[in-house]
C-alpha cells in the first residue's frame, strides 16, 4: 500500500475498534487517585468483574494486528517528508513534518512491536534536536535513518536480537554521535 491507502486503512482499523472500551470520566485526575475506581465497565458487565488493566491489555491485543500497518503509515509520512526535503531543501519548514513523524515513530515503535525502528528514530530525533539549525543536518544521514526504519518495518523485524538490524542501529547511532561531536554549539542531551 502507498501513502494515502495506508492512511485510509489505518483510519478504517481505528474506526472499527473506536468506542469499544468505556473508561468513564473524562476529567483530569491527580496521580494519587485510584484510577480503577474511576473506570466504568462496558455495558452489560458488572463493575466487580471489570479490570481496567485487563481491558487495556485486551484492547492492545485486539489492536495488535494493525500495529504493522500503523508503523508503515508512520514510515510513509516520514518518507513523504524526506521527499519534500530532497525536493525543496532542508529548512525549518521542511524539517517540521519529518521531525513530527520521527517523534511519533520514536514514541510508538516499541509499543507497536518495532523497538529497533524506535532506536533508529531516536537517533534521528537526537540529530535534529542537537544541531544548531536545520542547515547543519546532513540530508544523506537523514535518508539513511529513514531507509533503515523503512527496512526494519517492511521486513517485520520485531526481534531486538536480529544481528543485521542491530548492527545497522548501532552504526547509525555511532555515525550520528560522531557527527554531532564535530559540530560547534550542539545542544547537549
N, C-alpha and C. Protein backbone atom coordinates (compact mmCIF):
# COMPACT_ATOMS: atom_id res chain seq x y z
N UNK A 1 0.83 -1.19 0.00
CA UNK A 1 0.00 0.00 0.00
C UNK A 1 0.87 1.24 0.00
N UNK A 2 0.41 2.26 -0.67
CA UNK A 2 1.16 3.51 -0.71
C UNK A 2 0.47 4.53 0.17
N UNK A 3 1.21 5.58 0.54
CA UNK A 3 0.82 6.69 1.40
C UNK A 3 -0.66 6.81 1.75
N UNK A 4 -1.50 7.30 0.82
CA UNK A 4 -2.90 7.58 1.11
C UNK A 4 -3.66 6.29 1.44
N UNK A 5 -3.34 5.21 0.74
CA UNK A 5 -4.00 3.94 1.01
C UNK A 5 -3.67 3.44 2.41
N UNK A 6 -2.41 3.63 2.84
CA UNK A 6 -2.01 3.26 4.20
C UNK A 6 -2.82 4.04 5.23
N UNK A 7 -2.89 5.34 5.02
CA UNK A 7 -3.59 6.19 5.98
C UNK A 7 -5.07 5.81 6.04
N UNK A 8 -5.68 5.51 4.90
CA UNK A 8 -7.09 5.12 4.87
C UNK A 8 -7.30 3.79 5.59
N UNK A 9 -6.40 2.84 5.38
CA UNK A 9 -6.51 1.55 6.05
C UNK A 9 -6.35 1.69 7.56
N UNK A 10 -5.43 2.55 7.97
CA UNK A 10 -5.23 2.79 9.40
C UNK A 10 -6.49 3.41 9.99
N UNK A 11 -7.06 4.39 9.30
CA UNK A 11 -8.28 5.03 9.80
C UNK A 11 -9.41 4.03 9.89
N UNK A 12 -9.54 3.16 8.89
CA UNK A 12 -10.58 2.12 8.91
C UNK A 12 -10.39 1.19 10.10
N UNK A 13 -9.13 0.81 10.36
CA UNK A 13 -8.84 -0.08 11.51
C UNK A 13 -9.22 0.62 12.81
N UNK A 14 -8.87 1.90 12.93
CA UNK A 14 -9.20 2.65 14.14
C UNK A 14 -10.71 2.77 14.30
N UNK A 15 -11.41 3.10 13.21
CA UNK A 15 -12.86 3.25 13.26
C UNK A 15 -13.54 1.95 13.70
N UNK A 16 -12.97 0.81 13.34
CA UNK A 16 -13.59 -0.47 13.68
C UNK A 16 -13.53 -0.79 15.17
N UNK A 17 -12.58 -0.20 15.89
CA UNK A 17 -12.46 -0.51 17.32
C UNK A 17 -12.80 0.67 18.22
N UNK A 18 -12.91 1.85 17.66
CA UNK A 18 -13.15 3.05 18.45
C UNK A 18 -14.43 2.90 19.27
N UNK A 19 -14.36 3.23 20.52
CA UNK A 19 -15.52 3.21 21.39
C UNK A 19 -15.82 1.87 22.02
N UNK A 20 -14.98 0.87 21.83
CA UNK A 20 -15.24 -0.45 22.42
C UNK A 20 -15.02 -0.47 23.92
N UNK A 21 -14.22 0.42 24.44
CA UNK A 21 -13.95 0.45 25.88
C UNK A 21 -14.43 1.77 26.43
N UNK A 22 -15.27 1.72 27.46
CA UNK A 22 -15.75 2.93 28.11
C UNK A 22 -14.96 3.10 29.40
N UNK A 23 -14.04 4.06 29.43
CA UNK A 23 -13.25 4.29 30.63
C UNK A 23 -13.86 5.38 31.50
N UNK A 24 -15.06 5.78 31.19
CA UNK A 24 -15.80 6.67 32.08
C UNK A 24 -15.36 8.10 32.04
N UNK A 25 -15.14 8.66 33.24
CA UNK A 25 -14.89 10.08 33.43
C UNK A 25 -13.80 10.59 32.50
N UNK A 26 -14.03 11.79 31.99
CA UNK A 26 -13.05 12.39 31.10
C UNK A 26 -12.24 13.48 31.76
N UNK A 27 -12.58 13.82 33.02
CA UNK A 27 -11.82 14.87 33.67
C UNK A 27 -10.44 14.38 34.07
N UNK A 28 -9.52 15.33 34.25
CA UNK A 28 -8.19 15.00 34.71
C UNK A 28 -8.23 14.67 36.19
N UNK A 29 -7.46 13.67 36.58
CA UNK A 29 -7.39 13.28 37.98
C UNK A 29 -5.93 13.25 38.40
N UNK A 30 -5.68 13.54 39.65
CA UNK A 30 -4.32 13.52 40.17
C UNK A 30 -3.83 12.08 40.28
N UNK A 31 -2.52 11.89 40.26
CA UNK A 31 -1.93 10.57 40.33
C UNK A 31 -2.28 9.82 41.61
N UNK A 32 -2.63 10.54 42.67
CA UNK A 32 -2.91 9.90 43.96
C UNK A 32 -4.27 9.22 43.99
N UNK A 33 -5.10 9.47 43.01
CA UNK A 33 -6.43 8.87 42.96
C UNK A 33 -6.34 7.52 42.28
N UNK A 34 -7.02 6.53 42.85
CA UNK A 34 -7.04 5.20 42.25
C UNK A 34 -7.89 5.25 40.99
N UNK A 35 -7.25 5.18 39.85
CA UNK A 35 -7.97 5.28 38.58
C UNK A 35 -8.90 4.10 38.34
N UNK A 36 -8.63 2.97 38.97
CA UNK A 36 -9.52 1.82 38.81
C UNK A 36 -10.92 2.15 39.33
N UNK A 37 -10.99 2.96 40.38
CA UNK A 37 -12.28 3.35 40.94
C UNK A 37 -13.03 4.30 40.02
N UNK A 38 -12.32 4.96 39.11
CA UNK A 38 -12.92 5.94 38.20
C UNK A 38 -13.42 5.31 36.90
N UNK A 39 -13.12 4.06 36.68
CA UNK A 39 -13.49 3.43 35.42
C UNK A 39 -14.89 2.85 35.48
N UNK A 40 -15.45 2.66 34.31
CA UNK A 40 -16.78 2.05 34.21
C UNK A 40 -16.66 0.82 33.33
N UNK A 41 -17.36 -0.23 33.70
CA UNK A 41 -17.33 -1.42 32.84
C UNK A 41 -18.11 -1.18 31.56
N UNK A 42 -17.86 -2.01 30.59
CA UNK A 42 -18.63 -1.95 29.36
C UNK A 42 -20.08 -2.31 29.67
N UNK A 43 -21.00 -1.80 28.89
CA UNK A 43 -22.42 -2.13 29.14
C UNK A 43 -22.62 -3.64 29.20
N UNK A 44 -23.42 -4.07 30.18
CA UNK A 44 -23.71 -5.49 30.34
C UNK A 44 -22.72 -6.23 31.22
N UNK A 45 -21.71 -5.55 31.73
CA UNK A 45 -20.71 -6.18 32.61
C UNK A 45 -20.85 -5.61 34.01
N UNK A 46 -20.69 -6.44 35.01
CA UNK A 46 -20.74 -5.99 36.40
C UNK A 46 -19.44 -5.28 36.75
N UNK A 47 -19.51 -4.25 37.61
CA UNK A 47 -18.33 -3.48 38.00
C UNK A 47 -17.29 -4.38 38.65
N UNK A 48 -17.72 -5.35 39.47
CA UNK A 48 -16.77 -6.24 40.15
C UNK A 48 -16.01 -7.12 39.17
N UNK A 49 -16.60 -7.36 38.01
CA UNK A 49 -15.95 -8.20 37.01
C UNK A 49 -15.03 -7.41 36.09
N UNK A 50 -14.98 -6.09 36.27
CA UNK A 50 -14.24 -5.24 35.35
C UNK A 50 -12.85 -4.92 35.90
N UNK A 51 -11.84 -5.23 35.12
CA UNK A 51 -10.45 -4.90 35.46
C UNK A 51 -9.93 -4.00 34.34
N UNK A 52 -9.74 -2.70 34.61
CA UNK A 52 -9.33 -1.79 33.54
C UNK A 52 -7.98 -2.14 32.92
N UNK A 53 -7.06 -2.69 33.72
CA UNK A 53 -5.77 -3.08 33.17
C UNK A 53 -5.96 -4.23 32.19
N UNK A 54 -6.75 -5.21 32.59
CA UNK A 54 -7.03 -6.34 31.69
C UNK A 54 -7.76 -5.85 30.45
N UNK A 55 -8.67 -4.88 30.63
CA UNK A 55 -9.39 -4.34 29.48
C UNK A 55 -8.43 -3.63 28.53
N UNK A 56 -7.48 -2.88 29.08
CA UNK A 56 -6.49 -2.21 28.24
C UNK A 56 -5.61 -3.22 27.52
N UNK A 57 -5.20 -4.27 28.22
CA UNK A 57 -4.39 -5.31 27.58
C UNK A 57 -5.18 -6.01 26.49
N UNK A 58 -6.45 -6.27 26.74
CA UNK A 58 -7.29 -6.91 25.72
C UNK A 58 -7.43 -6.00 24.50
N UNK A 59 -7.59 -4.70 24.76
CA UNK A 59 -7.69 -3.76 23.64
C UNK A 59 -6.40 -3.76 22.83
N UNK A 60 -5.26 -3.77 23.52
CA UNK A 60 -3.97 -3.82 22.82
C UNK A 60 -3.87 -5.09 21.98
N UNK A 61 -4.34 -6.21 22.52
CA UNK A 61 -4.29 -7.46 21.76
C UNK A 61 -5.18 -7.39 20.53
N UNK A 62 -6.35 -6.76 20.67
CA UNK A 62 -7.24 -6.62 19.51
C UNK A 62 -6.63 -5.70 18.46
N UNK A 63 -5.92 -4.68 18.93
CA UNK A 63 -5.33 -3.72 18.01
C UNK A 63 -4.02 -4.21 17.38
N UNK A 64 -3.35 -5.12 18.04
CA UNK A 64 -2.00 -5.53 17.62
C UNK A 64 -1.89 -5.97 16.17
N UNK A 65 -2.90 -6.61 15.58
CA UNK A 65 -2.74 -6.94 14.16
C UNK A 65 -2.58 -5.70 13.27
N UNK A 66 -3.02 -4.55 13.74
CA UNK A 66 -2.91 -3.31 12.96
C UNK A 66 -1.60 -2.58 13.20
N UNK A 67 -0.80 -3.01 14.18
CA UNK A 67 0.40 -2.27 14.54
C UNK A 67 1.38 -2.14 13.36
N UNK A 68 1.56 -3.22 12.62
CA UNK A 68 2.46 -3.17 11.46
C UNK A 68 1.98 -2.15 10.44
N UNK A 69 0.68 -2.14 10.20
CA UNK A 69 0.08 -1.20 9.26
C UNK A 69 0.25 0.23 9.76
N UNK A 70 0.06 0.45 11.04
CA UNK A 70 0.23 1.78 11.60
C UNK A 70 1.68 2.24 11.47
N UNK A 71 2.61 1.33 11.72
CA UNK A 71 4.01 1.70 11.58
C UNK A 71 4.34 2.01 10.12
N UNK A 72 3.81 1.22 9.21
CA UNK A 72 4.02 1.50 7.79
C UNK A 72 3.47 2.88 7.43
N UNK A 73 2.34 3.25 8.02
CA UNK A 73 1.77 4.56 7.79
C UNK A 73 2.71 5.66 8.28
N UNK A 74 3.25 5.49 9.49
CA UNK A 74 4.18 6.49 10.05
C UNK A 74 5.44 6.59 9.19
N UNK A 75 5.93 5.45 8.73
CA UNK A 75 7.12 5.45 7.86
C UNK A 75 6.80 6.16 6.55
N UNK A 76 5.60 5.94 6.02
CA UNK A 76 5.18 6.63 4.80
C UNK A 76 5.16 8.14 4.98
N UNK A 77 4.71 8.59 6.14
CA UNK A 77 4.70 10.03 6.43
C UNK A 77 6.13 10.56 6.49
N UNK A 78 7.02 9.81 7.14
CA UNK A 78 8.43 10.23 7.22
C UNK A 78 9.07 10.25 5.83
N UNK A 79 8.75 9.25 5.00
CA UNK A 79 9.30 9.23 3.64
C UNK A 79 8.77 10.40 2.82
N UNK A 80 7.50 10.72 2.96
CA UNK A 80 6.94 11.88 2.26
C UNK A 80 7.66 13.15 2.68
N UNK A 81 7.94 13.27 3.98
CA UNK A 81 8.66 14.45 4.48
C UNK A 81 10.07 14.50 3.90
N UNK A 82 10.72 13.34 3.80
CA UNK A 82 12.06 13.28 3.22
C UNK A 82 12.04 13.70 1.75
N UNK A 83 11.04 13.26 1.01
CA UNK A 83 10.91 13.67 -0.39
C UNK A 83 10.78 15.19 -0.48
N UNK A 84 10.00 15.78 0.43
CA UNK A 84 9.86 17.23 0.46
C UNK A 84 11.19 17.92 0.72
N UNK A 85 11.99 17.34 1.61
CA UNK A 85 13.31 17.89 1.92
C UNK A 85 14.22 17.78 0.70
N UNK A 86 14.20 16.63 0.05
CA UNK A 86 15.05 16.42 -1.12
C UNK A 86 14.64 17.34 -2.27
N UNK A 87 13.36 17.64 -2.36
CA UNK A 87 12.84 18.47 -3.45
C UNK A 87 13.04 19.96 -3.18
N UNK A 88 12.80 20.39 -1.93
CA UNK A 88 12.79 21.82 -1.62
C UNK A 88 13.94 22.27 -0.72
N UNK A 89 14.80 21.36 -0.32
CA UNK A 89 15.89 21.71 0.58
C UNK A 89 15.48 21.59 2.04
N UNK A 90 16.46 21.61 2.89
CA UNK A 90 16.22 21.42 4.32
C UNK A 90 16.23 22.77 5.03
N UNK A 91 15.08 23.11 5.58
CA UNK A 91 14.96 24.31 6.40
C UNK A 91 13.92 24.00 7.49
N UNK A 92 13.60 24.98 8.30
CA UNK A 92 12.67 24.75 9.41
C UNK A 92 11.31 24.27 8.91
N UNK A 93 10.86 24.80 7.78
CA UNK A 93 9.54 24.44 7.24
C UNK A 93 9.51 22.99 6.74
N UNK A 94 10.55 22.56 6.04
CA UNK A 94 10.56 21.19 5.51
C UNK A 94 10.96 20.19 6.58
N UNK A 95 11.69 20.63 7.60
CA UNK A 95 12.09 19.74 8.69
C UNK A 95 10.91 19.38 9.60
N UNK A 96 9.98 20.30 9.77
CA UNK A 96 8.88 20.11 10.73
C UNK A 96 8.10 18.81 10.51
N UNK A 97 7.62 18.50 9.30
CA UNK A 97 6.87 17.24 9.14
C UNK A 97 7.73 16.00 9.41
N UNK A 98 8.99 16.06 9.05
CA UNK A 98 9.88 14.93 9.33
C UNK A 98 10.07 14.79 10.84
N UNK A 99 10.30 15.88 11.51
CA UNK A 99 10.52 15.85 12.95
C UNK A 99 9.30 15.29 13.67
N UNK A 100 8.10 15.71 13.27
CA UNK A 100 6.88 15.19 13.89
C UNK A 100 6.73 13.69 13.63
N UNK A 101 7.04 13.26 12.41
CA UNK A 101 6.91 11.83 12.08
C UNK A 101 7.90 10.99 12.87
N UNK A 102 9.15 11.43 12.96
CA UNK A 102 10.12 10.62 13.71
C UNK A 102 9.85 10.66 15.20
N UNK A 103 9.30 11.77 15.68
CA UNK A 103 8.91 11.85 17.08
C UNK A 103 7.84 10.80 17.38
N UNK A 104 6.87 10.67 16.50
CA UNK A 104 5.82 9.66 16.69
C UNK A 104 6.37 8.24 16.58
N UNK A 105 7.24 8.02 15.61
CA UNK A 105 7.84 6.68 15.46
C UNK A 105 8.65 6.35 16.70
N UNK A 106 9.44 7.30 17.16
CA UNK A 106 10.26 7.10 18.35
C UNK A 106 9.39 6.70 19.54
N UNK A 107 8.26 7.37 19.69
CA UNK A 107 7.39 7.11 20.82
C UNK A 107 6.52 5.88 20.70
N UNK A 108 6.18 5.48 19.48
CA UNK A 108 5.22 4.40 19.29
C UNK A 108 5.84 3.07 18.87
N UNK A 109 7.05 3.10 18.36
CA UNK A 109 7.63 1.89 17.77
C UNK A 109 7.69 0.72 18.73
N UNK A 110 8.14 0.94 19.94
CA UNK A 110 8.24 -0.17 20.90
C UNK A 110 6.86 -0.73 21.22
N UNK A 111 5.88 0.14 21.41
CA UNK A 111 4.51 -0.31 21.69
C UNK A 111 3.97 -1.11 20.53
N UNK A 112 4.31 -0.70 19.32
CA UNK A 112 3.82 -1.39 18.13
C UNK A 112 4.66 -2.60 17.76
N UNK A 113 5.68 -2.91 18.57
CA UNK A 113 6.47 -4.11 18.35
C UNK A 113 7.67 -3.93 17.45
N UNK A 114 8.14 -2.71 17.27
CA UNK A 114 9.29 -2.43 16.42
C UNK A 114 10.33 -1.62 17.20
N UNK A 115 10.89 -2.21 18.25
CA UNK A 115 11.82 -1.45 19.09
C UNK A 115 13.06 -0.95 18.35
N UNK A 116 13.56 -1.71 17.38
CA UNK A 116 14.74 -1.26 16.64
C UNK A 116 14.42 -0.05 15.77
N UNK A 117 13.24 -0.02 15.19
CA UNK A 117 12.84 1.16 14.42
C UNK A 117 12.77 2.37 15.34
N UNK A 118 12.32 2.15 16.56
CA UNK A 118 12.28 3.23 17.55
C UNK A 118 13.66 3.74 17.90
N UNK A 119 14.63 2.84 17.98
CA UNK A 119 16.00 3.27 18.27
C UNK A 119 16.58 4.10 17.14
N UNK A 120 16.29 3.71 15.90
CA UNK A 120 16.76 4.49 14.76
C UNK A 120 16.09 5.86 14.76
N UNK A 121 14.79 5.88 15.02
CA UNK A 121 14.07 7.16 15.08
C UNK A 121 14.64 8.04 16.19
N UNK A 122 14.99 7.44 17.32
CA UNK A 122 15.59 8.22 18.41
C UNK A 122 16.91 8.83 17.98
N UNK A 123 17.72 8.08 17.25
CA UNK A 123 18.99 8.60 16.76
C UNK A 123 18.76 9.81 15.85
N UNK A 124 17.81 9.70 14.93
CA UNK A 124 17.50 10.80 14.03
C UNK A 124 16.90 11.98 14.81
N UNK A 125 16.07 11.69 15.77
CA UNK A 125 15.48 12.73 16.62
C UNK A 125 16.58 13.50 17.34
N UNK A 126 17.53 12.78 17.91
CA UNK A 126 18.66 13.42 18.61
C UNK A 126 19.45 14.31 17.65
N UNK A 127 19.66 13.83 16.44
CA UNK A 127 20.36 14.64 15.44
C UNK A 127 19.62 15.96 15.22
N UNK A 128 18.33 15.85 14.98
CA UNK A 128 17.53 17.06 14.71
C UNK A 128 17.46 17.99 15.91
N UNK A 129 17.44 17.45 17.10
CA UNK A 129 17.34 18.24 18.32
C UNK A 129 18.64 18.94 18.69
N UNK A 130 19.76 18.33 18.37
CA UNK A 130 21.04 18.82 18.90
C UNK A 130 21.84 19.72 17.95
N UNK A 131 21.42 19.82 16.71
CA UNK A 131 22.17 20.69 15.79
C UNK A 131 21.78 22.15 16.04
N UNK A 132 22.69 23.08 15.73
CA UNK A 132 22.37 24.49 15.93
C UNK A 132 21.26 25.00 15.01
N UNK A 133 21.03 24.33 13.89
CA UNK A 133 19.99 24.74 12.95
C UNK A 133 19.84 23.70 11.86
N UNK A 134 18.73 23.72 11.12
CA UNK A 134 18.48 22.72 10.08
C UNK A 134 19.59 22.61 9.03
N UNK A 135 20.25 23.73 8.76
CA UNK A 135 21.31 23.72 7.75
C UNK A 135 22.47 22.81 8.13
N UNK A 136 22.54 22.41 9.41
CA UNK A 136 23.62 21.53 9.87
C UNK A 136 23.25 20.05 9.80
N UNK A 137 22.07 19.74 9.33
CA UNK A 137 21.62 18.34 9.26
C UNK A 137 21.97 17.78 7.89
N UNK A 138 22.82 16.77 7.83
CA UNK A 138 23.15 16.18 6.52
C UNK A 138 21.98 15.34 5.99
N UNK A 139 21.47 15.71 4.83
CA UNK A 139 20.34 15.01 4.24
C UNK A 139 20.67 13.53 4.02
N UNK A 140 21.92 13.23 3.69
CA UNK A 140 22.29 11.84 3.47
C UNK A 140 22.12 11.01 4.76
N UNK A 141 22.41 11.60 5.91
CA UNK A 141 22.24 10.90 7.18
C UNK A 141 20.75 10.74 7.52
N UNK A 142 19.96 11.75 7.21
CA UNK A 142 18.51 11.64 7.38
C UNK A 142 17.98 10.52 6.50
N UNK A 143 18.42 10.50 5.26
CA UNK A 143 17.98 9.47 4.31
C UNK A 143 18.34 8.07 4.82
N UNK A 144 19.55 7.90 5.34
CA UNK A 144 19.96 6.59 5.86
C UNK A 144 19.09 6.16 7.04
N UNK A 145 18.74 7.08 7.90
CA UNK A 145 17.87 6.75 9.03
C UNK A 145 16.48 6.32 8.55
N UNK A 146 15.91 7.10 7.64
CA UNK A 146 14.57 6.77 7.13
C UNK A 146 14.58 5.44 6.40
N UNK A 147 15.63 5.18 5.60
CA UNK A 147 15.73 3.90 4.90
C UNK A 147 15.85 2.74 5.89
N UNK A 148 16.59 2.95 6.97
CA UNK A 148 16.73 1.90 7.98
C UNK A 148 15.40 1.61 8.67
N UNK A 149 14.68 2.67 9.03
CA UNK A 149 13.36 2.48 9.65
C UNK A 149 12.44 1.75 8.69
N UNK A 150 12.43 2.20 7.44
CA UNK A 150 11.58 1.55 6.43
C UNK A 150 11.91 0.07 6.28
N UNK A 151 13.20 -0.26 6.23
CA UNK A 151 13.61 -1.66 6.07
C UNK A 151 13.19 -2.49 7.28
N UNK A 152 13.40 -1.97 8.47
CA UNK A 152 13.05 -2.71 9.69
C UNK A 152 11.55 -2.98 9.72
N UNK A 153 10.75 -1.97 9.40
CA UNK A 153 9.30 -2.14 9.44
C UNK A 153 8.81 -3.02 8.31
N UNK A 154 9.27 -2.77 7.09
CA UNK A 154 8.77 -3.54 5.94
C UNK A 154 9.17 -5.01 6.01
N UNK A 155 10.31 -5.29 6.65
CA UNK A 155 10.73 -6.68 6.80
C UNK A 155 10.20 -7.30 8.09
N UNK A 156 9.43 -6.53 8.84
CA UNK A 156 8.81 -7.06 10.05
C UNK A 156 9.81 -7.43 11.13
N UNK A 157 10.90 -6.70 11.22
CA UNK A 157 11.94 -7.00 12.20
C UNK A 157 11.51 -6.54 13.59
N UNK A 158 10.82 -7.42 14.30
CA UNK A 158 10.33 -7.11 15.64
C UNK A 158 11.29 -7.62 16.71
N UNK A 159 12.24 -8.43 16.31
CA UNK A 159 13.18 -9.04 17.25
C UNK A 159 14.37 -8.12 17.49
N UNK A 160 14.55 -7.69 18.73
CA UNK A 160 15.67 -6.81 19.05
C UNK A 160 17.01 -7.52 18.87
N UNK A 161 17.00 -8.82 18.82
CA UNK A 161 18.23 -9.58 18.69
C UNK A 161 18.66 -9.84 17.26
N UNK A 162 17.90 -9.35 16.28
CA UNK A 162 18.28 -9.54 14.88
C UNK A 162 19.63 -8.87 14.65
N UNK A 163 20.65 -9.68 14.35
CA UNK A 163 22.02 -9.16 14.31
C UNK A 163 22.23 -8.12 13.21
N UNK A 164 21.65 -8.30 12.06
CA UNK A 164 21.83 -7.34 10.97
C UNK A 164 21.18 -6.01 11.33
N UNK A 165 19.94 -6.06 11.79
CA UNK A 165 19.25 -4.83 12.16
C UNK A 165 19.94 -4.16 13.35
N UNK A 166 20.39 -4.94 14.31
CA UNK A 166 21.08 -4.38 15.48
C UNK A 166 22.36 -3.67 15.04
N UNK A 167 23.14 -4.27 14.13
CA UNK A 167 24.37 -3.64 13.64
C UNK A 167 24.06 -2.31 12.94
N UNK A 168 22.99 -2.31 12.18
CA UNK A 168 22.57 -1.09 11.48
C UNK A 168 22.22 0.01 12.49
N UNK A 169 21.47 -0.34 13.50
CA UNK A 169 21.08 0.62 14.54
C UNK A 169 22.32 1.18 15.23
N UNK A 170 23.22 0.29 15.63
CA UNK A 170 24.43 0.71 16.34
C UNK A 170 25.27 1.63 15.46
N UNK A 171 25.41 1.27 14.19
CA UNK A 171 26.25 2.09 13.29
C UNK A 171 25.63 3.47 13.05
N UNK A 172 24.33 3.53 12.86
CA UNK A 172 23.68 4.83 12.68
C UNK A 172 23.84 5.70 13.92
N UNK A 173 23.72 5.10 15.08
CA UNK A 173 23.92 5.86 16.33
C UNK A 173 25.35 6.38 16.41
N UNK A 174 26.32 5.53 16.07
CA UNK A 174 27.73 5.94 16.12
C UNK A 174 28.01 7.09 15.17
N UNK A 175 27.54 6.96 13.93
CA UNK A 175 27.78 8.00 12.93
C UNK A 175 27.13 9.31 13.36
N UNK A 176 25.91 9.20 13.87
CA UNK A 176 25.19 10.41 14.32
C UNK A 176 25.93 11.08 15.47
N UNK A 177 26.34 10.31 16.47
CA UNK A 177 27.04 10.90 17.61
C UNK A 177 28.41 11.46 17.20
N UNK A 178 29.08 10.77 16.29
CA UNK A 178 30.36 11.28 15.80
C UNK A 178 30.16 12.61 15.08
N UNK A 179 29.16 12.68 14.23
CA UNK A 179 28.86 13.92 13.52
C UNK A 179 28.55 15.04 14.51
N UNK A 180 27.68 14.76 15.46
CA UNK A 180 27.31 15.78 16.45
C UNK A 180 28.52 16.24 17.26
N UNK A 181 29.45 15.33 17.51
CA UNK A 181 30.64 15.67 18.27
C UNK A 181 31.55 16.66 17.55
N UNK A 182 31.41 16.76 16.24
CA UNK A 182 32.24 17.69 15.45
C UNK A 182 31.59 19.04 15.24
N UNK A 183 30.34 19.19 15.66
CA UNK A 183 29.64 20.46 15.46
C UNK A 183 29.89 21.42 16.60
N UNK A 184 30.03 22.69 16.29
CA UNK A 184 30.13 23.69 17.37
C UNK A 184 28.74 23.94 17.96
N UNK A 185 28.70 24.20 19.23
CA UNK A 185 27.48 24.63 19.92
C UNK A 185 26.30 23.66 19.80
N UNK A 186 26.58 22.34 19.72
CA UNK A 186 25.46 21.42 19.70
C UNK A 186 24.85 21.38 21.09
N UNK A 187 23.55 21.25 21.11
CA UNK A 187 22.84 21.14 22.39
C UNK A 187 23.18 19.80 23.01
N UNK A 188 23.51 19.78 24.26
CA UNK A 188 23.86 18.53 24.94
C UNK A 188 22.60 17.87 25.42
N UNK A 189 22.54 16.54 25.30
CA UNK A 189 21.35 15.85 25.76
C UNK A 189 21.40 14.48 25.40
